PDB file of N, CA and C in Angstrom:
ATOM      1  N   MET A   1      17.154 -21.317 -20.957  1.00  0.00           N
ATOM      2  CA  MET A   1      17.678 -19.980 -20.748  1.00  0.00           C
ATOM      3  C   MET A   1      19.025 -20.101 -20.026  1.00  0.00           C
ATOM      4  N   THR A   2      19.962 -19.298 -20.479  1.00  0.00           N
ATOM      5  CA  THR A   2      21.292 -19.347 -19.884  1.00  0.00           C
ATOM      6  C   THR A   2      21.307 -18.579 -18.568  1.00  0.00           C
ATOM      7  N   PRO A   3      22.139 -18.972 -17.634  1.00  0.00           N
ATOM      8  CA  PRO A   3      22.235 -18.274 -16.343  1.00  0.00           C
ATOM      9  C   PRO A   3      22.579 -16.791 -16.484  1.00  0.00           C
ATOM     10  N   ARG A   4      23.240 -16.410 -17.588  1.00  0.00           N
ATOM     11  CA  ARG A   4      23.587 -14.988 -17.792  1.00  0.00           C
ATOM     12  C   ARG A   4      22.343 -14.126 -17.924  1.00  0.00           C
ATOM     13  N   LEU A   5      21.256 -14.689 -18.400  1.00  0.00           N
ATOM     14  CA  LEU A   5      20.023 -13.919 -18.622  1.00  0.00           C
ATOM     15  C   LEU A   5      19.150 -13.789 -17.379  1.00  0.00           C
ATOM     16  N   TRP A   6      19.423 -14.584 -16.345  1.00  0.00           N
ATOM     17  CA  TRP A   6      18.580 -14.561 -15.152  1.00  0.00           C
ATOM     18  C   TRP A   6      18.480 -13.178 -14.511  1.00  0.00           C
ATOM     19  N   PRO A   7      19.573 -12.450 -14.339  1.00  0.00           N
ATOM     20  CA  PRO A   7      19.434 -11.105 -13.747  1.00  0.00           C
ATOM     21  C   PRO A   7      18.555 -10.175 -14.585  1.00  0.00           C
ATOM     22  N   LEU A   8      18.667 -10.273 -15.900  1.00  0.00           N
ATOM     23  CA  LEU A   8      17.848  -9.439 -16.775  1.00  0.00           C
ATOM     24  C   LEU A   8      16.378  -9.790 -16.621  1.00  0.00           C
ATOM     25  N   VAL A   9      16.070 -11.067 -16.606  1.00  0.00           N
ATOM     26  CA  VAL A   9      14.686 -11.509 -16.444  1.00  0.00           C
ATOM     27  C   VAL A   9      14.148 -11.064 -15.088  1.00  0.00           C
ATOM     28  N   ALA A  10      14.932 -11.203 -14.046  1.00  0.00           N
ATOM     29  CA  ALA A  10      14.495 -10.772 -12.710  1.00  0.00           C
ATOM     30  C   ALA A  10      14.222  -9.277 -12.683  1.00  0.00           C
ATOM     31  N   ALA A  11      15.070  -8.484 -13.312  1.00  0.00           N
ATOM     32  CA  ALA A  11      14.876  -7.029 -13.345  1.00  0.00           C
ATOM     33  C   ALA A  11      13.598  -6.679 -14.107  1.00  0.00           C
ATOM     34  N   LEU A  12      13.344  -7.348 -15.202  1.00  0.00           N
ATOM     35  CA  LEU A  12      12.125  -7.088 -15.972  1.00  0.00           C
ATOM     36  C   LEU A  12      10.873  -7.464 -15.188  1.00  0.00           C
ATOM     37  N   LEU A  13      10.930  -8.559 -14.469  1.00  0.00           N
ATOM     38  CA  LEU A  13       9.780  -8.962 -13.657  1.00  0.00           C
ATOM     39  C   LEU A  13       9.514  -7.966 -12.533  1.00  0.00           C
ATOM     40  N   LEU A  14      10.559  -7.476 -11.900  1.00  0.00           N
ATOM     41  CA  LEU A  14      10.388  -6.479 -10.841  1.00  0.00           C
ATOM     42  C   LEU A  14       9.816  -5.183 -11.399  1.00  0.00           C
ATOM     43  N   ALA A  15      10.271  -4.772 -12.541  1.00  0.00           N
ATOM     44  CA  ALA A  15       9.748  -3.553 -13.170  1.00  0.00           C
ATOM     45  C   ALA A  15       8.270  -3.718 -13.494  1.00  0.00           C
ATOM     46  N   ALA A  16       7.876  -4.875 -13.935  1.00  0.00           N
ATOM     47  CA  ALA A  16       6.474  -5.127 -14.265  1.00  0.00           C
ATOM     48  C   ALA A  16       5.597  -5.054 -13.024  1.00  0.00           C
ATOM     49  N   CYS A  17       6.113  -5.478 -11.892  1.00  0.00           N
ATOM     50  CA  CYS A  17       5.345  -5.420 -10.643  1.00  0.00           C
ATOM     51  C   CYS A  17       5.010  -3.980 -10.281  1.00  0.00           C
ATOM     52  N   HIS A  18       5.936  -3.058 -10.496  1.00  0.00           N
ATOM     53  CA  HIS A  18       5.723  -1.668 -10.112  1.00  0.00           C
ATOM     54  C   HIS A  18       4.697  -0.955 -10.981  1.00  0.00           C
ATOM     55  N   SER A  19       4.534  -1.362 -12.199  1.00  0.00           N
ATOM     56  CA  SER A  19       3.675  -0.609 -13.104  1.00  0.00           C
ATOM     57  C   SER A  19       2.335  -1.291 -13.352  1.00  0.00           C
ATOM     58  N   ALA A  20       1.981  -2.265 -12.544  1.00  0.00           N
ATOM     59  CA  ALA A  20       0.808  -3.076 -12.819  1.00  0.00           C
ATOM     60  C   ALA A  20      -0.508  -2.295 -12.766  1.00  0.00           C
ATOM     61  N   GLN A  21      -0.906  -1.809 -11.620  1.00  0.00           N
ATOM     62  CA  GLN A  21      -2.214  -1.208 -11.435  1.00  0.00           C
ATOM     63  C   GLN A  21      -2.115   0.091 -10.639  1.00  0.00           C
ATOM     64  N   PRO A  22      -2.978   1.058 -10.953  1.00  0.00           N
ATOM     65  CA  PRO A  22      -3.023   2.265 -10.124  1.00  0.00           C
ATOM     66  C   PRO A  22      -3.532   1.913  -8.728  1.00  0.00           C
ATOM     67  N   LEU A  23      -3.097   2.660  -7.745  1.00  0.00           N
ATOM     68  CA  LEU A  23      -3.595   2.459  -6.384  1.00  0.00           C
ATOM     69  C   LEU A  23      -4.947   3.142  -6.231  1.00  0.00           C
ATOM     70  N   THR A  24      -5.737   2.629  -5.319  1.00  0.00           N
ATOM     71  CA  THR A  24      -6.970   3.312  -4.938  1.00  0.00           C
ATOM     72  C   THR A  24      -6.614   4.360  -3.883  1.00  0.00           C
ATOM     73  N   GLU A  25      -7.539   5.254  -3.620  1.00  0.00           N
ATOM     74  CA  GLU A  25      -7.316   6.242  -2.564  1.00  0.00           C
ATOM     75  C   GLU A  25      -7.100   5.544  -1.218  1.00  0.00           C
ATOM     76  N   ALA A  26      -7.856   4.485  -0.963  1.00  0.00           N
ATOM     77  CA  ALA A  26      -7.726   3.762   0.302  1.00  0.00           C
ATOM     78  C   ALA A  26      -6.340   3.120   0.427  1.00  0.00           C
ATOM     79  N   GLN A  27      -5.845   2.545  -0.662  1.00  0.00           N
ATOM     80  CA  GLN A  27      -4.504   1.947  -0.625  1.00  0.00           C
ATOM     81  C   GLN A  27      -3.450   3.021  -0.378  1.00  0.00           C
ATOM     82  N   SER A  28      -3.608   4.146  -1.028  1.00  0.00           N
ATOM     83  CA  SER A  28      -2.665   5.238  -0.844  1.00  0.00           C
ATOM     84  C   SER A  28      -2.711   5.759   0.593  1.00  0.00           C
ATOM     85  N   ALA A  29      -3.922   5.924   1.122  1.00  0.00           N
ATOM     86  CA  ALA A  29      -4.094   6.445   2.486  1.00  0.00           C
ATOM     87  C   ALA A  29      -3.551   5.485   3.543  1.00  0.00           C
ATOM     88  N   ALA A  30      -3.493   4.213   3.219  1.00  0.00           N
ATOM     89  CA  ALA A  30      -3.001   3.220   4.181  1.00  0.00           C
ATOM     90  C   ALA A  30      -1.479   3.240   4.323  1.00  0.00           C
ATOM     91  N   ARG A  31      -0.793   3.893   3.398  1.00  0.00           N
ATOM     92  CA  ARG A  31       0.675   3.961   3.447  1.00  0.00           C
ATOM     93  C   ARG A  31       1.113   5.004   4.466  1.00  0.00           C
ATOM     94  N   ARG A  32       2.243   4.732   5.114  1.00  0.00           N
ATOM     95  CA  ARG A  32       2.781   5.673   6.094  1.00  0.00           C
ATOM     96  C   ARG A  32       4.279   5.464   6.188  1.00  0.00           C
ATOM     97  N   PRO A  33       5.051   6.547   6.218  1.00  0.00           N
ATOM     98  CA  PRO A  33       6.501   6.376   6.381  1.00  0.00           C
ATOM     99  C   PRO A  33       6.827   5.639   7.678  1.00  0.00           C
ATOM    100  N   ALA A  34       7.846   4.805   7.645  1.00  0.00           N
ATOM    101  CA  ALA A  34       8.248   4.050   8.835  1.00  0.00           C
ATOM    102  C   ALA A  34       8.872   4.949   9.899  1.00  0.00           C
ATOM    103  N   ASP A  35       9.589   5.968   9.473  1.00  0.00           N
ATOM    104  CA  ASP A  35      10.227   6.887  10.406  1.00  0.00           C
ATOM    105  C   ASP A  35       9.164   7.761  11.078  1.00  0.00           C
ATOM    106  N   VAL A  36       9.159   7.818  12.397  1.00  0.00           N
ATOM    107  CA  VAL A  36       8.130   8.527  13.161  1.00  0.00           C
ATOM    108  C   VAL A  36       8.103  10.015  12.825  1.00  0.00           C
ATOM    109  N   ARG A  37       9.253  10.643  12.771  1.00  0.00           N
ATOM    110  CA  ARG A  37       9.312  12.079  12.468  1.00  0.00           C
ATOM    111  C   ARG A  37       8.816  12.356  11.055  1.00  0.00           C
ATOM    112  N   LEU A  38       9.262  11.551  10.100  1.00  0.00           N
ATOM    113  CA  LEU A  38       8.838  11.717   8.718  1.00  0.00           C
ATOM    114  C   LEU A  38       7.330  11.459   8.585  1.00  0.00           C
ATOM    115  N   ALA A  39       6.824  10.479   9.321  1.00  0.00           N
ATOM    116  CA  ALA A  39       5.388  10.186   9.290  1.00  0.00           C
ATOM    117  C   ALA A  39       4.581  11.384   9.798  1.00  0.00           C
ATOM    118  N   ALA A  40       5.079  12.051  10.830  1.00  0.00           N
ATOM    119  CA  ALA A  40       4.385  13.227  11.355  1.00  0.00           C
ATOM    120  C   ALA A  40       4.370  14.357  10.325  1.00  0.00           C
ATOM    121  N   LEU A  41       5.499  14.581   9.659  1.00  0.00           N
ATOM    122  CA  LEU A  41       5.553  15.603   8.608  1.00  0.00           C
ATOM    123  C   LEU A  41       4.596  15.247   7.466  1.00  0.00           C
ATOM    124  N   TYR A  42       4.592  13.991   7.082  1.00  0.00           N
ATOM    125  CA  TYR A  42       3.719  13.524   6.005  1.00  0.00           C
ATOM    126  C   TYR A  42       2.253  13.744   6.377  1.00  0.00           C
ATOM    127  N   ASP A  43       1.895  13.380   7.610  1.00  0.00           N
ATOM    128  CA  ASP A  43       0.506  13.534   8.051  1.00  0.00           C
ATOM    129  C   ASP A  43       0.068  14.994   8.050  1.00  0.00           C
ATOM    130  N   ARG A  44       0.960  15.896   8.464  1.00  0.00           N
ATOM    131  CA  ARG A  44       0.621  17.326   8.534  1.00  0.00           C
ATOM    132  C   ARG A  44       0.650  18.021   7.181  1.00  0.00           C
ATOM    133  N   SER A  45       1.508  17.565   6.285  1.00  0.00           N
ATOM    134  CA  SER A  45       1.760  18.362   5.082  1.00  0.00           C
ATOM    135  C   SER A  45       1.439  17.699   3.747  1.00  0.00           C
ATOM    136  N   CYS A  46       1.458  16.405   3.662  1.00  0.00           N
ATOM    137  CA  CYS A  46       1.342  15.728   2.365  1.00  0.00           C
ATOM    138  C   CYS A  46       0.060  14.920   2.207  1.00  0.00           C
ATOM    139  N   ARG A  47      -0.321  14.239   3.263  1.00  0.00           N
ATOM    140  CA  ARG A  47      -1.413  13.262   3.212  1.00  0.00           C
ATOM    141  C   ARG A  47      -2.719  13.844   2.657  1.00  0.00           C
ATOM    142  N   ALA A  48      -3.067  15.051   3.033  1.00  0.00           N
ATOM    143  CA  ALA A  48      -4.361  15.628   2.639  1.00  0.00           C
ATOM    144  C   ALA A  48      -4.538  15.666   1.122  1.00  0.00           C
ATOM    145  N   CYS A  49      -3.485  15.923   0.387  1.00  0.00           N
ATOM    146  CA  CYS A  49      -3.590  15.994  -1.078  1.00  0.00           C
ATOM    147  C   CYS A  49      -3.148  14.705  -1.766  1.00  0.00           C
ATOM    148  N   HIS A  50      -2.102  14.073  -1.251  1.00  0.00           N
ATOM    149  CA  HIS A  50      -1.504  12.929  -1.943  1.00  0.00           C
ATOM    150  C   HIS A  50      -2.195  11.602  -1.662  1.00  0.00           C
ATOM    151  N   THR A  51      -3.397  11.661  -1.063  1.00  0.00           N
ATOM    152  CA  THR A  51      -4.222  10.452  -0.906  1.00  0.00           C
ATOM    153  C   THR A  51      -5.623  10.684  -1.468  1.00  0.00           C
ATOM    154  N   VAL A  52      -5.816  11.820  -2.143  1.00  0.00           N
ATOM    155  CA  VAL A  52      -7.122  12.173  -2.707  1.00  0.00           C
ATOM    156  C   VAL A  52      -6.951  12.436  -4.204  1.00  0.00           C
ATOM    157  N   ARG A  53      -7.504  11.576  -4.995  1.00  0.00           N
ATOM    158  CA  ARG A  53      -7.345  11.661  -6.451  1.00  0.00           C
ATOM    159  C   ARG A  53      -7.807  13.007  -7.010  1.00  0.00           C
ATOM    160  N   ASP A  54      -8.917  13.543  -6.509  1.00  0.00           N
ATOM    161  CA  ASP A  54      -9.466  14.800  -7.027  1.00  0.00           C
ATOM    162  C   ASP A  54      -8.597  16.020  -6.740  1.00  0.00           C
ATOM    163  N   SER A  55      -7.604  15.890  -5.881  1.00  0.00           N
ATOM    164  CA  SER A  55      -6.728  17.023  -5.576  1.00  0.00           C
ATOM    165  C   SER A  55      -5.805  17.347  -6.756  1.00  0.00           C
ATOM    166  N   GLY A  56      -5.612  16.385  -7.635  1.00  0.00           N
ATOM    167  CA  GLY A  56      -4.686  16.562  -8.745  1.00  0.00           C
ATOM    168  C   GLY A  56      -3.257  16.159  -8.410  1.00  0.00           C
ATOM    169  N   ALA A  57      -2.985  15.904  -7.141  1.00  0.00           N
ATOM    170  CA  ALA A  57      -1.652  15.461  -6.718  1.00  0.00           C
ATOM    171  C   ALA A  57      -1.510  13.964  -6.991  1.00  0.00           C
ATOM    172  N   PRO A  58      -0.312  13.503  -7.341  1.00  0.00           N
ATOM    173  CA  PRO A  58      -0.130  12.067  -7.542  1.00  0.00           C
ATOM    174  C   PRO A  58      -0.331  11.326  -6.224  1.00  0.00           C
ATOM    175  N   LEU A  59      -1.094  10.249  -6.265  1.00  0.00           N
ATOM    176  CA  LEU A  59      -1.353   9.474  -5.056  1.00  0.00           C
ATOM    177  C   LEU A  59      -0.062   8.861  -4.531  1.00  0.00           C
ATOM    178  N   SER A  60       0.113   8.963  -3.259  1.00  0.00           N
ATOM    179  CA  SER A  60       1.281   8.399  -2.596  1.00  0.00           C
ATOM    180  C   SER A  60       1.375   6.902  -2.890  1.00  0.00           C
ATOM    181  N   GLY A  61       2.525   6.483  -3.411  1.00  0.00           N
ATOM    182  CA  GLY A  61       2.778   5.078  -3.680  1.00  0.00           C
ATOM    183  C   GLY A  61       2.296   4.574  -5.019  1.00  0.00           C
ATOM    184  N   ASP A  62       1.627   5.404  -5.801  1.00  0.00           N
ATOM    185  CA  ASP A  62       1.065   4.966  -7.074  1.00  0.00           C
ATOM    186  C   ASP A  62       2.095   5.142  -8.190  1.00  0.00           C
ATOM    187  N   HIS A  63       2.685   4.041  -8.584  1.00  0.00           N
ATOM    188  CA  HIS A  63       3.731   4.083  -9.616  1.00  0.00           C
ATOM    189  C   HIS A  63       3.197   4.580 -10.954  1.00  0.00           C
ATOM    190  N   THR A  64       1.910   4.363 -11.225  1.00  0.00           N
ATOM    191  CA  THR A  64       1.362   4.836 -12.498  1.00  0.00           C
ATOM    192  C   THR A  64       1.373   6.359 -12.562  1.00  0.00           C
ATOM    193  N   GLN A  65       1.400   7.015 -11.414  1.00  0.00           N
ATOM    194  CA  GLN A  65       1.436   8.471 -11.379  1.00  0.00           C
ATOM    195  C   GLN A  65       2.825   9.019 -11.069  1.00  0.00           C
ATOM    196  N   TRP A  66       3.636   8.257 -10.359  1.00  0.00           N
ATOM    197  CA  TRP A  66       4.937   8.764  -9.920  1.00  0.00           C
ATOM    198  C   TRP A  66       6.097   8.422 -10.835  1.00  0.00           C
ATOM    199  N   ASP A  67       6.057   7.312 -11.542  1.00  0.00           N
ATOM    200  CA  ASP A  67       7.242   6.862 -12.279  1.00  0.00           C
ATOM    201  C   ASP A  67       7.716   7.878 -13.324  1.00  0.00           C
ATOM    202  N   ALA A  68       6.791   8.469 -14.066  1.00  0.00           N
ATOM    203  CA  ALA A  68       7.197   9.474 -15.065  1.00  0.00           C
ATOM    204  C   ALA A  68       7.790  10.702 -14.376  1.00  0.00           C
ATOM    205  N   ARG A  69       7.245  11.060 -13.234  1.00  0.00           N
ATOM    206  CA  ARG A  69       7.783  12.198 -12.484  1.00  0.00           C
ATOM    207  C   ARG A  69       9.180  11.861 -11.961  1.00  0.00           C
ATOM    208  N   TRP A  70       9.332  10.660 -11.411  1.00  0.00           N
ATOM    209  CA  TRP A  70      10.617  10.230 -10.857  1.00  0.00           C
ATOM    210  C   TRP A  70      11.688  10.188 -11.942  1.00  0.00           C
ATOM    211  N   ALA A  71      11.282   9.846 -13.158  1.00  0.00           N
ATOM    212  CA  ALA A  71      12.234   9.766 -14.274  1.00  0.00           C
ATOM    213  C   ALA A  71      12.860  11.127 -14.580  1.00  0.00           C
ATOM    214  N   LYS A  72      12.202  12.211 -14.202  1.00  0.00           N
ATOM    215  CA  LYS A  72      12.762  13.561 -14.390  1.00  0.00           C
ATOM    216  C   LYS A  72      13.918  13.823 -13.437  1.00  0.00           C
ATOM    217  N   GLY A  73      13.996  13.026 -12.385  1.00  0.00           N
ATOM    218  CA  GLY A  73      15.074  13.136 -11.413  1.00  0.00           C
ATOM    219  C   GLY A  73      14.597  13.686 -10.086  1.00  0.00           C
ATOM    220  N   PRO A  74      15.138  13.142  -8.999  1.00  0.00           N
ATOM    221  CA  PRO A  74      14.751  13.596  -7.669  1.00  0.00           C
ATOM    222  C   PRO A  74      15.013  15.089  -7.452  1.00  0.00           C
ATOM    223  N   GLY A  75      16.038  15.625  -8.105  1.00  0.00           N
ATOM    224  CA  GLY A  75      16.345  17.051  -7.956  1.00  0.00           C
ATOM    225  C   GLY A  75      15.237  17.939  -8.504  1.00  0.00           C
ATOM    226  N   VAL A  76      14.641  17.532  -9.618  1.00  0.00           N
ATOM    227  CA  VAL A  76      13.533  18.296 -10.197  1.00  0.00           C
ATOM    228  C   VAL A  76      12.328  18.248  -9.263  1.00  0.00           C
ATOM    229  N   LEU A  77      12.050  17.070  -8.709  1.00  0.00           N
ATOM    230  CA  LEU A  77      10.923  16.933  -7.790  1.00  0.00           C
ATOM    231  C   LEU A  77      11.150  17.747  -6.520  1.00  0.00           C
ATOM    232  N   LEU A  78      12.381  17.768  -6.035  1.00  0.00           N
ATOM    233  CA  LEU A  78      12.712  18.578  -4.867  1.00  0.00           C
ATOM    234  C   LEU A  78      12.505  20.054  -5.170  1.00  0.00           C
ATOM    235  N   GLN A  79      12.974  20.493  -6.324  1.00  0.00           N
ATOM    236  CA  GLN A  79      12.802  21.887  -6.725  1.00  0.00           C
ATOM    237  C   GLN A  79      11.314  22.242  -6.810  1.00  0.00           C
ATOM    238  N   ASN A  80      10.501  21.349  -7.372  1.00  0.00           N
ATOM    239  CA  ASN A  80       9.068  21.590  -7.471  1.00  0.00           C
ATOM    240  C   ASN A  80       8.413  21.683  -6.098  1.00  0.00           C
ATOM    241  N   ALA A  81       8.849  20.849  -5.163  1.00  0.00           N
ATOM    242  CA  ALA A  81       8.286  20.894  -3.811  1.00  0.00           C
ATOM    243  C   ALA A  81       8.617  22.211  -3.119  1.00  0.00           C
ATOM    244  N   VAL A  82       9.829  22.664  -3.289  1.00  0.00           N
ATOM    245  CA  VAL A  82      10.270  23.894  -2.626  1.00  0.00           C
ATOM    246  C   VAL A  82       9.638  25.128  -3.283  1.00  0.00           C
ATOM    247  N   ALA A  83       9.638  25.168  -4.608  1.00  0.00           N
ATOM    248  CA  ALA A  83       9.150  26.355  -5.325  1.00  0.00           C
ATOM    249  C   ALA A  83       7.645  26.336  -5.558  1.00  0.00           C
ATOM    250  N   GLY A  84       7.041  25.153  -5.499  1.00  0.00           N
ATOM    251  CA  GLY A  84       5.639  25.001  -5.844  1.00  0.00           C
ATOM    252  C   GLY A  84       5.520  24.574  -7.285  1.00  0.00           C
ATOM    253  N   TYR A  85       4.458  23.850  -7.590  1.00  0.00           N
ATOM    254  CA  TYR A  85       4.282  23.343  -8.953  1.00  0.00           C
ATOM    255  C   TYR A  85       2.803  23.058  -9.169  1.00  0.00           C
ATOM    256  N   ASN A  86       2.257  23.593 -10.236  1.00  0.00           N
ATOM    257  CA  ASN A  86       0.821  23.459 -10.525  1.00  0.00           C
ATOM    258  C   ASN A  86       0.018  23.889  -9.295  1.00  0.00           C
ATOM    259  N   LYS A  87      -0.808  23.004  -8.746  1.00  0.00           N
ATOM    260  CA  LYS A  87      -1.629  23.358  -7.582  1.00  0.00           C
ATOM    261  C   LYS A  87      -0.867  23.267  -6.261  1.00  0.00           C
ATOM    262  N   MET A  88       0.313  22.660  -6.288  1.00  0.00           N
ATOM    263  CA  MET A  88       1.077  22.495  -5.042  1.00  0.00           C
ATOM    264  C   MET A  88       1.710  23.823  -4.645  1.00  0.00           C
ATOM    265  N   PRO A  89       1.416  24.269  -3.433  1.00  0.00           N
ATOM    266  CA  PRO A  89       2.000  25.543  -2.994  1.00  0.00           C
ATOM    267  C   PRO A  89       3.492  25.398  -2.715  1.00  0.00           C
ATOM    268  N   ALA A  90       4.203  26.492  -2.785  1.00  0.00           N
ATOM    269  CA  ALA A  90       5.631  26.481  -2.448  1.00  0.00           C
ATOM    270  C   ALA A  90       5.803  25.919  -1.044  1.00  0.00           C
ATOM    271  N   GLY A  91       6.723  25.024  -0.911  1.00  0.00           N
ATOM    272  CA  GLY A  91       6.977  24.407   0.387  1.00  0.00           C
ATOM    273  C   GLY A  91       6.012  23.299   0.735  1.00  0.00           C
ATOM    274  N   GLY A  92       5.039  23.044  -0.109  1.00  0.00           N
ATOM    275  CA  GLY A  92       4.119  21.929   0.117  1.00  0.00           C
ATOM    276  C   GLY A  92       3.428  21.952   1.460  1.00  0.00           C
ATOM    277  N   GLN A  93       3.161  23.116   1.990  1.00  0.00           N
ATOM    278  CA  GLN A  93       2.508  23.289   3.287  1.00  0.00           C
ATOM    279  C   GLN A  93       3.326  22.704   4.436  1.00  0.00           C
ATOM    280  N   CYS A  94       4.629  22.708   4.283  1.00  0.00           N
ATOM    281  CA  CYS A  94       5.509  22.198   5.336  1.00  0.00           C
ATOM    282  C   CYS A  94       6.578  23.243   5.656  1.00  0.00           C
ATOM    283  N   PRO A  95       6.248  24.231   6.467  1.00  0.00           N
ATOM    284  CA  PRO A  95       7.206  25.298   6.755  1.00  0.00           C
ATOM    285  C   PRO A  95       8.432  24.833   7.541  1.00  0.00           C
ATOM    286  N   THR A  96       8.347  23.683   8.200  1.00  0.00           N
ATOM    287  CA  THR A  96       9.487  23.197   8.984  1.00  0.00           C
ATOM    288  C   THR A  96      10.338  22.178   8.239  1.00  0.00           C
ATOM    289  N   CYS A  97       9.933  21.799   7.026  1.00  0.00           N
ATOM    290  CA  CYS A  97      10.679  20.785   6.274  1.00  0.00           C
ATOM    291  C   CYS A  97      12.015  21.329   5.776  1.00  0.00           C
ATOM    292  N   THR A  98      13.023  20.507   5.894  1.00  0.00           N
ATOM    293  CA  THR A  98      14.338  20.792   5.330  1.00  0.00           C
ATOM    294  C   THR A  98      14.407  20.150   3.940  1.00  0.00           C
ATOM    295  N   ALA A  99      15.456  20.436   3.209  1.00  0.00           N
ATOM    296  CA  ALA A  99      15.650  19.799   1.902  1.00  0.00           C
ATOM    297  C   ALA A  99      15.708  18.274   2.057  1.00  0.00           C
ATOM    298  N   ALA A 100      16.346  17.811   3.116  1.00  0.00           N
ATOM    299  CA  ALA A 100      16.431  16.363   3.363  1.00  0.00           C
ATOM    300  C   ALA A 100      15.046  15.780   3.657  1.00  0.00           C
ATOM    301  N   ASP A 101      14.229  16.529   4.393  1.00  0.00           N
ATOM    302  CA  ASP A 101      12.859  16.072   4.669  1.00  0.00           C
ATOM    303  C   ASP A 101      12.070  15.948   3.373  1.00  0.00           C
ATOM    304  N   TYR A 102      12.129  17.003   2.543  1.00  0.00           N
ATOM    305  CA  TYR A 102      11.420  16.955   1.261  1.00  0.00           C
ATOM    306  C   TYR A 102      11.887  15.763   0.435  1.00  0.00           C
ATOM    307  N   ALA A 103      13.195  15.567   0.362  1.00  0.00           N
ATOM    308  CA  ALA A 103      13.735  14.466  -0.437  1.00  0.00           C
ATOM    309  C   ALA A 103      13.219  13.123   0.072  1.00  0.00           C
ATOM    310  N   ALA A 104      13.199  12.942   1.383  1.00  0.00           N
ATOM    311  CA  ALA A 104      12.715  11.683   1.963  1.00  0.00           C
ATOM    312  C   ALA A 104      11.213  11.511   1.732  1.00  0.00           C
ATOM    313  N   LEU A 105      10.453  12.580   1.865  1.00  0.00           N
ATOM    314  CA  LEU A 105       9.007  12.511   1.632  1.00  0.00           C
ATOM    315  C   LEU A 105       8.703  12.192   0.172  1.00  0.00           C
ATOM    316  N   ILE A 106       9.434  12.808  -0.728  1.00  0.00           N
ATOM    317  CA  ILE A 106       9.246  12.538  -2.154  1.00  0.00           C
ATOM    318  C   ILE A 106       9.574  11.077  -2.457  1.00  0.00           C
ATOM    319  N   ARG A 107      10.680  10.582  -1.925  1.00  0.00           N
ATOM    320  CA  ARG A 107      11.053   9.172  -2.135  1.00  0.00           C
ATOM    321  C   ARG A 107       9.957   8.255  -1.615  1.00  0.00           C
ATOM    322  N   PHE A 108       9.427   8.576  -0.430  1.00  0.00           N
ATOM    323  CA  PHE A 108       8.352   7.756   0.135  1.00  0.00           C
ATOM    324  C   PHE A 108       7.132   7.762  -0.780  1.00  0.00           C
ATOM    325  N   MET A 109       6.689   8.959  -1.173  1.00  0.00           N
ATOM    326  CA  MET A 109       5.476   9.050  -1.985  1.00  0.00           C
ATOM    327  C   MET A 109       5.667   8.412  -3.359  1.00  0.00           C
ATOM    328  N   ALA A 110       6.860   8.516  -3.915  1.00  0.00           N
ATOM    329  CA  ALA A 110       7.157   7.907  -5.208  1.00  0.00           C
ATOM    330  C   ALA A 110       7.435   6.411  -5.069  1.00  0.00           C
ATOM    331  N   ASP A 111       7.476   5.928  -3.823  1.00  0.00           N
ATOM    332  CA  ASP A 111       7.742   4.518  -3.522  1.00  0.00           C
ATOM    333  C   ASP A 111       9.083   4.059  -4.086  1.00  0.00           C
ATOM    334  N   GLN A 112      10.089   4.894  -3.819  1.00  0.00           N
ATOM    335  CA  GLN A 112      11.462   4.588  -4.229  1.00  0.00           C
ATOM    336  C   GLN A 112      12.274   4.246  -2.988  1.00  0.00           C
ATOM    337  N   PRO A 113      13.248   3.369  -3.112  1.00  0.00           N
ATOM    338  CA  PRO A 113      14.052   2.984  -1.945  1.00  0.00           C
ATOM    339  C   PRO A 113      14.793   4.185  -1.357  1.00  0.00           C
ATOM    340  N   GLN A 114      14.870   4.208  -0.042  1.00  0.00           N
ATOM    341  CA  GLN A 114      15.548   5.311   0.668  1.00  0.00           C
ATOM    342  C   GLN A 114      17.039   5.186   0.571  1.00  0.00           C
TER     343      GLN A 114
END
């Protein structure tokens, strides 16, 4: 293999890692944002639904559930969080969240780099 192909192969291998297996509820529940303030918002507003499969919400960190949503664009996901979508209430039960908070929480749950 030529050295020119190495970056392509590395990118394909990384993509395969993200789509391997769905997370369990326990794996999802074990995740927590590193930022203390964001973690508090997540615990109060997101964790109850996004770590329970039966809620219908995509499990936090589960690429099998988030990647197709993320492909629609972070702006669409932000709009859905603010306006509500399916079973998710408008504002996602976070009356103190700003647009930046929602964006950071969505990135965390979708397991996308900040």
